[in-house]
């Protein structure tokens, strides 16, 4: 094991508590930037807000790019109801039922944070008969603000306006049995693994065989995180993202998941085979899988025209885009494959 698993989990906890839905991820980007610069890595921020961390290697001509995203699912204030409660529009692909009853934070334009709860308008079973039959959708779901608000003006006087970000409480927990439960493990678990790997490289004075760009993207959940600003020297691009679990899937919470295909199509078979061989050579527990309703920053880069070999691997995440869970084992195996890949030569 190369990364410190307990430090990694502690960092995951810190990251998931930084509100950063897509479009509002600057605080999480700042956290990652500061961590990298404290280790004396060269960083740069793109115009759209993504973070590059440059790690020089022996070969500067054929480079790698490894991306993980720090943006999360969330919502945005769509309207203010007559009673002062909030209507929402969702950010990212998830169902309303995944956030019913969740505590949330509204962040105003000035940075003020106000707590609330996302609930069905007709929640009370003592008032609304057969409320289980009411659809969970934009018409019926709302935010109950934790302030005395009785009308639109009361809410606006708090500083809340249409377009303000709404972030979901993560509910982080690390169990004695090794499970890590939280919203936003997609993809902050992978981000934490990368940052801890960078720490390992620096502390052990390791020179990578290829210059490697680590890109912490800020818009993956809405489809355009790391699809631009890619150097012509980049030969391979890895999306270090979650493995999807469920019926018909081979991935689990105890291994690293390698993606063979998602909704965008197959990933580069040569690069996928290289990842599989690295697992076999280094005794890394892995599963190869297909994610049927999924796309990544790697596939987005190809769509944008990047001439790269693309791959995807990462920890297995149960109940993705809801109350997610993984295990120390999957975090560990994912860190081992990240290390083995970064220390291996590019196989063209």
Protein backbone atom coordinates (compact mmCIF):
# COMPACT_ATOMS: atom_id res chain seq x y z
CA UNK A 1 0.00 0.00 0.00
CA UNK A 2 1.37 3.40 -0.96
CA UNK A 3 -1.23 5.83 0.37
CA UNK A 4 -2.13 6.14 4.03
CA UNK A 5 -5.68 4.82 4.14
CA UNK A 6 -6.66 6.61 7.34
CA UNK A 7 -5.33 9.96 6.11
CA UNK A 8 -7.17 9.40 2.83
CA UNK A 9 -10.47 8.75 4.58
CA UNK A 10 -9.95 11.81 6.75
CA UNK A 11 -9.41 13.86 3.60
CA UNK A 12 -12.56 12.38 2.04
CA UNK A 13 -14.46 13.57 5.10
CA UNK A 14 -13.03 17.08 4.72
CA UNK A 15 -13.79 17.20 1.01
CA UNK A 16 -17.40 16.01 1.21
CA UNK A 17 -18.13 18.74 3.74
CA UNK A 18 -16.99 21.42 1.27
CA UNK A 19 -20.11 22.46 -0.64
CA UNK A 20 -19.30 22.22 -4.34
CA UNK A 21 -22.16 21.38 -6.71
CA UNK A 22 -21.32 21.77 -10.39
CA UNK A 23 -21.08 25.46 -11.20
CA UNK A 24 -20.22 26.30 -7.60
CA UNK A 25 -17.09 24.19 -7.00
CA UNK A 26 -14.52 26.94 -6.41
CA UNK A 27 -14.12 26.25 -2.65
CA UNK A 28 -13.21 22.61 -3.28
CA UNK A 29 -10.84 23.58 -6.11
CA UNK A 30 -9.17 26.04 -3.73
CA UNK A 31 -8.72 23.27 -1.14
CA UNK A 32 -7.00 21.00 -3.68
CA UNK A 33 -4.86 23.82 -5.06
CA UNK A 34 -3.62 24.78 -1.60
CA UNK A 35 -2.82 21.16 -0.74
CA UNK A 36 -0.79 20.71 -3.93
CA UNK A 37 1.06 24.00 -3.56
CA UNK A 38 1.93 23.18 0.05
CA UNK A 39 3.75 20.16 -1.42
CA UNK A 40 5.53 22.51 -3.88
CA UNK A 41 3.74 21.26 -6.99
CA UNK A 42 3.19 23.62 -9.91
CA UNK A 43 -0.51 24.37 -10.38
CA UNK A 44 -2.68 26.36 -12.76
CA UNK A 45 -6.40 27.05 -13.00
CA UNK A 46 -8.25 27.02 -16.32
CA UNK A 47 -10.63 29.77 -17.38
CA UNK A 48 -13.58 27.51 -16.57
CA UNK A 49 -12.19 26.78 -13.11
CA UNK A 50 -10.51 23.36 -13.33
CA UNK A 51 -7.20 22.72 -11.57
CA UNK A 52 -4.04 21.36 -13.22
CA UNK A 53 -1.32 19.89 -11.00
CA UNK A 54 1.88 19.24 -12.93
CA UNK A 55 4.19 16.37 -11.92
CA UNK A 56 7.37 16.34 -14.06
CA UNK A 57 8.62 12.96 -15.28
CA UNK A 58 11.56 11.49 -17.16
CA UNK A 59 9.69 11.59 -20.48
CA UNK A 60 8.18 15.00 -21.14
CA UNK A 61 7.15 14.26 -24.72
CA UNK A 62 4.62 11.48 -24.13
CA UNK A 63 2.56 12.62 -21.17
CA UNK A 64 -0.38 11.35 -19.16
CA UNK A 65 -3.43 13.16 -17.82
CA UNK A 66 -5.36 11.77 -14.86
CA UNK A 67 -8.57 13.50 -13.93
CA UNK A 68 -10.96 13.28 -11.01
CA UNK A 69 -13.80 15.66 -10.33
CA UNK A 70 -14.52 17.64 -7.21
CA UNK A 71 -17.93 18.93 -8.32
CA UNK A 72 -20.99 17.15 -7.00
CA UNK A 73 -24.68 16.81 -7.51
CA UNK A 74 -26.75 19.65 -6.13
CA UNK A 75 -29.53 22.05 -6.97
CA UNK A 76 -30.19 25.68 -7.73
CA UNK A 77 -32.98 27.97 -6.56
CA UNK A 78 -35.53 28.15 -9.38
CA UNK A 79 -38.26 30.18 -7.71
CA UNK A 80 -39.55 31.45 -4.38
CA UNK A 81 -43.03 30.27 -3.43
CA UNK A 82 -45.67 32.60 -2.07
CA UNK A 83 -45.10 31.12 1.42
CA UNK A 84 -41.36 31.83 1.21
CA UNK A 85 -40.23 28.28 0.51
CA UNK A 86 -38.01 27.47 -2.45
CA UNK A 87 -38.54 25.67 -5.74
CA UNK A 88 -35.50 23.85 -7.10
CA UNK A 89 -33.92 22.85 -10.37
CA UNK A 90 -31.55 19.88 -10.16
CA UNK A 91 -27.83 19.96 -11.00
CA UNK A 92 -26.64 16.59 -12.28
CA UNK A 93 -28.38 13.31 -13.02
CA UNK A 94 -30.33 11.98 -10.06
CA UNK A 95 -33.88 11.39 -8.88
CA UNK A 96 -35.93 13.59 -6.57
CA UNK A 97 -36.54 10.65 -4.24
CA UNK A 98 -32.77 10.47 -3.61
CA UNK A 99 -32.89 13.81 -1.77
CA UNK A 100 -36.31 13.76 -0.12
CA UNK A 101 -35.92 14.66 3.55
CA UNK A 102 -32.30 15.73 3.15
CA UNK A 103 -30.83 18.67 5.03
CA UNK A 104 -29.33 21.26 2.71
CA UNK A 105 -27.49 24.57 2.61
CA UNK A 106 -28.48 27.54 0.48
CA UNK A 107 -25.45 29.68 -0.42
CA UNK A 108 -26.37 33.24 -1.40
CA UNK A 109 -24.53 35.46 -3.85
CA UNK A 110 -22.70 37.12 -0.94
CA UNK A 111 -21.58 33.76 0.46
CA UNK A 112 -24.08 33.65 3.32
CA UNK A 113 -25.15 30.10 4.18
CA UNK A 114 -28.68 29.27 5.30
CA UNK A 115 -29.81 25.78 6.27
CA UNK A 116 -32.98 24.05 5.20
CA UNK A 117 -34.63 20.73 4.43
CA UNK A 118 -35.72 19.35 1.07
CA UNK A 119 -39.19 17.95 1.46
CA UNK A 120 -42.43 17.15 -0.27
CA UNK A 121 -44.90 20.03 0.03
CA UNK A 122 -47.53 17.52 1.11
CA UNK A 123 -45.30 15.72 3.63
CA UNK A 124 -47.54 15.54 6.70
CA UNK A 125 -49.55 12.30 6.73
CA UNK A 126 -51.86 13.95 9.28
CA UNK A 127 -52.90 16.53 6.70
CA UNK A 128 -52.40 15.03 3.24
CA UNK A 129 -54.13 11.70 2.76
CA UNK A 130 -52.38 9.16 0.51
CA UNK A 131 -49.35 11.41 0.17
CA UNK A 132 -47.26 8.38 -0.84
CA UNK A 133 -48.99 8.55 -4.21
CA UNK A 134 -47.95 12.16 -4.84
CA UNK A 135 -45.11 12.33 -7.40
CA UNK A 136 -41.70 13.44 -6.23
CA UNK A 137 -40.95 16.08 -8.83
CA UNK A 138 -40.17 19.77 -9.29
CA UNK A 139 -43.81 20.73 -8.77
CA UNK A 140 -44.17 19.09 -5.37
CA UNK A 141 -40.68 19.21 -3.86
CA UNK A 142 -39.40 22.32 -2.09
CA UNK A 143 -36.91 23.65 0.45
CA UNK A 144 -38.20 24.46 3.93
CA UNK A 145 -35.87 27.24 5.10
CA UNK A 146 -34.69 27.29 8.72
CA UNK A 147 -35.68 30.93 9.17
CA UNK A 148 -38.95 32.71 9.91
CA UNK A 149 -40.27 33.27 6.40
CA UNK A 150 -43.92 33.77 5.53
CA UNK A 151 -43.74 35.23 2.04
CA UNK A 152 -41.44 36.01 -0.89
CA UNK A 153 -40.17 39.26 0.64
CA UNK A 154 -39.17 37.53 3.89
CA UNK A 155 -37.05 35.07 1.94
CA UNK A 156 -35.50 37.74 -0.27
CA UNK A 157 -34.63 39.77 2.82
CA UNK A 158 -32.42 36.84 3.87
CA UNK A 159 -30.43 37.41 0.68
CA UNK A 160 -31.81 34.35 -1.12
CA UNK A 161 -32.42 34.81 -4.85
CA UNK A 162 -33.06 32.70 -7.92
CA UNK A 163 -29.78 31.13 -9.02
CA UNK A 164 -28.38 30.50 -5.55
CA UNK A 165 -26.68 27.15 -4.97
CA UNK A 166 -28.27 24.42 -2.87
CA UNK A 167 -25.91 21.79 -1.43
CA UNK A 168 -26.87 18.50 0.21
CA UNK A 169 -25.64 17.51 3.67
CA UNK A 170 -23.13 14.67 3.13
CA UNK A 171 -23.95 12.46 6.17
CA UNK A 172 -20.35 11.18 6.33
CA UNK A 173 -19.66 8.11 8.47
CA UNK A 174 -16.69 5.74 8.76
CA UNK A 175 -17.76 2.49 10.39
CA UNK A 176 -15.70 0.12 12.52
CA UNK A 177 -16.18 -2.47 9.79
CA UNK A 178 -14.34 -0.27 7.29
CA UNK A 179 -17.22 1.19 5.31
CA UNK A 180 -17.20 4.83 4.26
CA UNK A 181 -20.72 6.22 3.85
CA UNK A 182 -21.43 9.65 2.47
CA UNK A 183 -22.94 11.65 -0.31
CA UNK A 184 -20.41 12.89 -2.86
CA UNK A 185 -18.02 9.93 -2.73
CA UNK A 186 -18.49 10.36 -6.48
CA UNK A 187 -15.90 11.65 -7.01
CA UNK A 188 -14.31 13.09 -3.89
CA UNK A 189 -13.04 9.65 -2.84
CA UNK A 190 -10.90 9.59 -5.99
CA UNK A 191 -9.77 13.19 -5.50
CA UNK A 192 -8.56 12.35 -2.00
CA UNK A 193 -6.67 9.30 -3.31
CA UNK A 194 -4.94 11.47 -5.91
CA UNK A 195 -3.92 14.11 -3.37
CA UNK A 196 -2.56 11.46 -1.02
CA UNK A 197 -0.67 9.87 -3.92
CA UNK A 198 0.90 13.25 -4.71
CA UNK A 199 1.97 13.47 -1.09
CA UNK A 200 3.49 9.97 -1.30
CA UNK A 201 5.44 10.89 -4.46
CA UNK A 202 6.82 14.05 -2.90
CA UNK A 203 7.72 12.52 0.47
CA UNK A 204 9.54 9.61 -1.20
CA UNK A 205 11.25 11.74 -3.87
CA UNK A 206 9.82 9.58 -6.67
CA UNK A 207 10.34 10.54 -10.30
CA UNK A 208 7.54 9.36 -12.56
CA UNK A 209 8.48 7.80 -15.91
CA UNK A 210 6.25 10.31 -17.75
CA UNK A 211 5.26 13.86 -16.98
CA UNK A 212 1.75 13.55 -15.59
CA UNK A 213 -0.93 16.21 -15.43
CA UNK A 214 -3.48 15.74 -12.67
CA UNK A 215 -6.66 17.62 -13.53
CA UNK A 216 -9.20 18.20 -10.76
CA UNK A 217 -12.26 19.08 -12.77
CA UNK A 218 -15.22 21.14 -11.64
CA UNK A 219 -18.01 20.40 -14.13
CA UNK A 220 -17.98 16.62 -14.68
CA UNK A 221 -21.49 16.05 -13.40
CA UNK A 222 -22.87 18.28 -16.15
CA UNK A 223 -20.68 16.84 -18.90
CA UNK A 224 -17.72 19.12 -19.55
CA UNK A 225 -15.15 18.82 -16.81
CA UNK A 226 -11.79 17.81 -18.32
CA UNK A 227 -12.69 17.84 -22.00
CA UNK A 228 -10.57 20.87 -22.95
CA UNK A 229 -7.20 22.51 -22.26
CA UNK A 230 -5.53 19.17 -22.98
CA UNK A 231 -1.92 19.45 -24.13
CA UNK A 232 -0.94 17.91 -27.46
CA UNK A 233 1.69 15.97 -25.53
CA UNK A 234 -0.99 14.00 -23.69
CA UNK A 235 -1.06 10.42 -25.00
CA UNK A 236 -3.30 8.81 -22.40
CA UNK A 237 -6.15 10.19 -20.31
CA UNK A 238 -7.51 8.33 -17.30
CA UNK A 239 -10.78 9.28 -15.65
CA UNK A 240 -10.22 8.27 -12.04
CA UNK A 241 -13.88 7.95 -11.19
CA UNK A 242 -16.31 5.63 -9.44
CA UNK A 243 -17.32 2.13 -10.39
CA UNK A 244 -21.09 1.63 -10.67
CA UNK A 245 -22.63 -1.17 -8.58
CA UNK A 246 -25.93 -2.98 -8.90
CA UNK A 247 -27.71 -5.95 -10.43
CA UNK A 248 -25.79 -7.33 -13.41
CA UNK A 249 -22.59 -5.54 -12.40
CA UNK A 250 -19.38 -7.34 -11.44
CA UNK A 251 -17.90 -4.40 -9.47
CA UNK A 252 -18.11 -4.29 -5.69
CA UNK A 253 -17.04 -2.18 -2.71
CA UNK A 254 -13.84 -4.12 -2.07
CA UNK A 255 -11.92 -3.95 -5.37
CA UNK A 256 -10.90 -1.39 -7.96
CA UNK A 257 -13.33 -1.22 -10.87
CA UNK A 258 -11.97 -0.96 -14.43
CA UNK A 259 -14.46 0.24 -17.03
CA UNK A 260 -14.59 -1.59 -20.37
CA UNK A 261 -17.54 0.39 -21.74
CA UNK A 262 -20.09 2.97 -20.68
CA UNK A 263 -22.94 4.77 -22.44
CA UNK A 264 -20.43 6.58 -24.65
CA UNK A 265 -18.96 3.32 -25.99
CA UNK A 266 -15.93 1.11 -25.32
CA UNK A 267 -12.82 2.52 -23.65
CA UNK A 268 -9.44 2.00 -25.34
CA UNK A 269 -8.90 -1.75 -25.22
CA UNK A 270 -5.10 -1.54 -25.21
CA UNK A 271 -5.10 0.80 -22.22
CA UNK A 272 -7.73 -1.29 -20.46
CA UNK A 273 -5.61 -4.43 -20.96
CA UNK A 274 -2.60 -2.56 -19.57
CA UNK A 275 -4.57 -1.71 -16.42
CA UNK A 276 -5.69 -5.32 -16.04
CA UNK A 277 -2.13 -6.58 -16.44
CA UNK A 278 -0.89 -4.10 -13.83
CA UNK A 279 -3.46 -5.49 -11.40
CA UNK A 280 -2.36 -9.05 -12.06
CA UNK A 281 1.34 -8.21 -11.78
CA UNK A 282 0.93 -6.24 -8.53
CA UNK A 283 -1.65 -8.42 -6.77
CA UNK A 284 -4.30 -5.70 -6.98
CA UNK A 285 -7.87 -6.92 -6.53
CA UNK A 286 -9.94 -5.71 -9.46
CA UNK A 287 -13.12 -6.19 -11.49
CA UNK A 288 -13.75 -5.27 -15.13
CA UNK A 289 -17.21 -3.89 -15.73
CA UNK A 290 -19.60 -2.10 -18.07
CA UNK A 291 -21.49 0.94 -16.75
CA UNK A 292 -24.67 1.18 -18.87
CA UNK A 293 -25.86 4.68 -17.89
CA UNK A 294 -22.61 6.54 -17.36
CA UNK A 295 -20.16 8.88 -19.05
CA UNK A 296 -16.91 10.41 -17.84
CA UNK A 297 -14.49 13.24 -18.41
CA UNK A 298 -12.43 10.79 -20.50
CA UNK A 299 -15.28 10.17 -22.92
CA UNK A 300 -16.09 13.90 -22.90
CA UNK A 301 -12.51 14.62 -23.99
CA UNK A 302 -12.88 12.28 -26.96
CA UNK A 303 -16.16 13.93 -27.92
CA UNK A 304 -14.37 17.29 -27.80
CA UNK A 305 -11.79 15.98 -30.29
CA UNK A 306 -8.82 15.00 -28.11
CA UNK A 307 -6.50 12.49 -29.80
CA UNK A 308 -5.88 10.27 -26.79
CA UNK A 309 -6.14 6.73 -25.49
CA UNK A 310 -8.79 6.87 -22.79
CA UNK A 311 -9.44 4.71 -19.74
CA UNK A 312 -11.40 4.71 -16.52
CA UNK A 313 -10.98 3.07 -13.15
CA UNK A 314 -11.80 3.84 -9.54
CA UNK A 315 -13.37 2.65 -6.30
CA UNK A 316 -16.67 0.79 -6.37
CA UNK A 317 -19.45 3.05 -5.08
CA UNK A 318 -22.75 1.57 -3.88
CA UNK A 319 -25.99 3.54 -4.50
CA UNK A 320 -24.36 6.09 -6.78
CA UNK A 321 -25.96 9.55 -6.95
CA UNK A 322 -27.77 8.90 -3.68
CA UNK A 323 -26.55 7.90 -0.20
CA UNK A 324 -23.29 6.37 -1.40
CA UNK A 325 -20.99 3.85 0.25
CA UNK A 326 -17.63 2.22 -0.35
CA UNK A 327 -15.08 0.36 1.75
CA UNK A 328 -11.49 0.90 2.85
CA UNK A 329 -10.54 -2.09 0.68
CA UNK A 330 -11.77 -0.45 -2.52
CA UNK A 331 -10.06 2.83 -1.65
CA UNK A 332 -6.83 0.93 -0.99
CA UNK A 333 -6.96 -1.17 -4.19
CA UNK A 334 -7.76 1.95 -6.24
CA UNK A 335 -4.75 3.73 -4.74
CA UNK A 336 -2.55 0.75 -5.58
CA UNK A 337 -3.64 0.74 -9.23
CA UNK A 338 -3.18 4.52 -9.49
CA UNK A 339 0.36 4.09 -8.19
CA UNK A 340 1.18 1.12 -10.43
CA UNK A 341 -0.15 2.95 -13.48
CA UNK A 342 1.70 6.20 -12.78
CA UNK A 343 4.96 4.31 -12.22
CA UNK A 344 4.63 2.20 -15.38
CA UNK A 345 5.85 3.19 -18.85
CA UNK A 346 3.28 4.11 -21.48
CA UNK A 347 2.68 1.14 -23.75
CA UNK A 348 1.92 2.39 -27.25
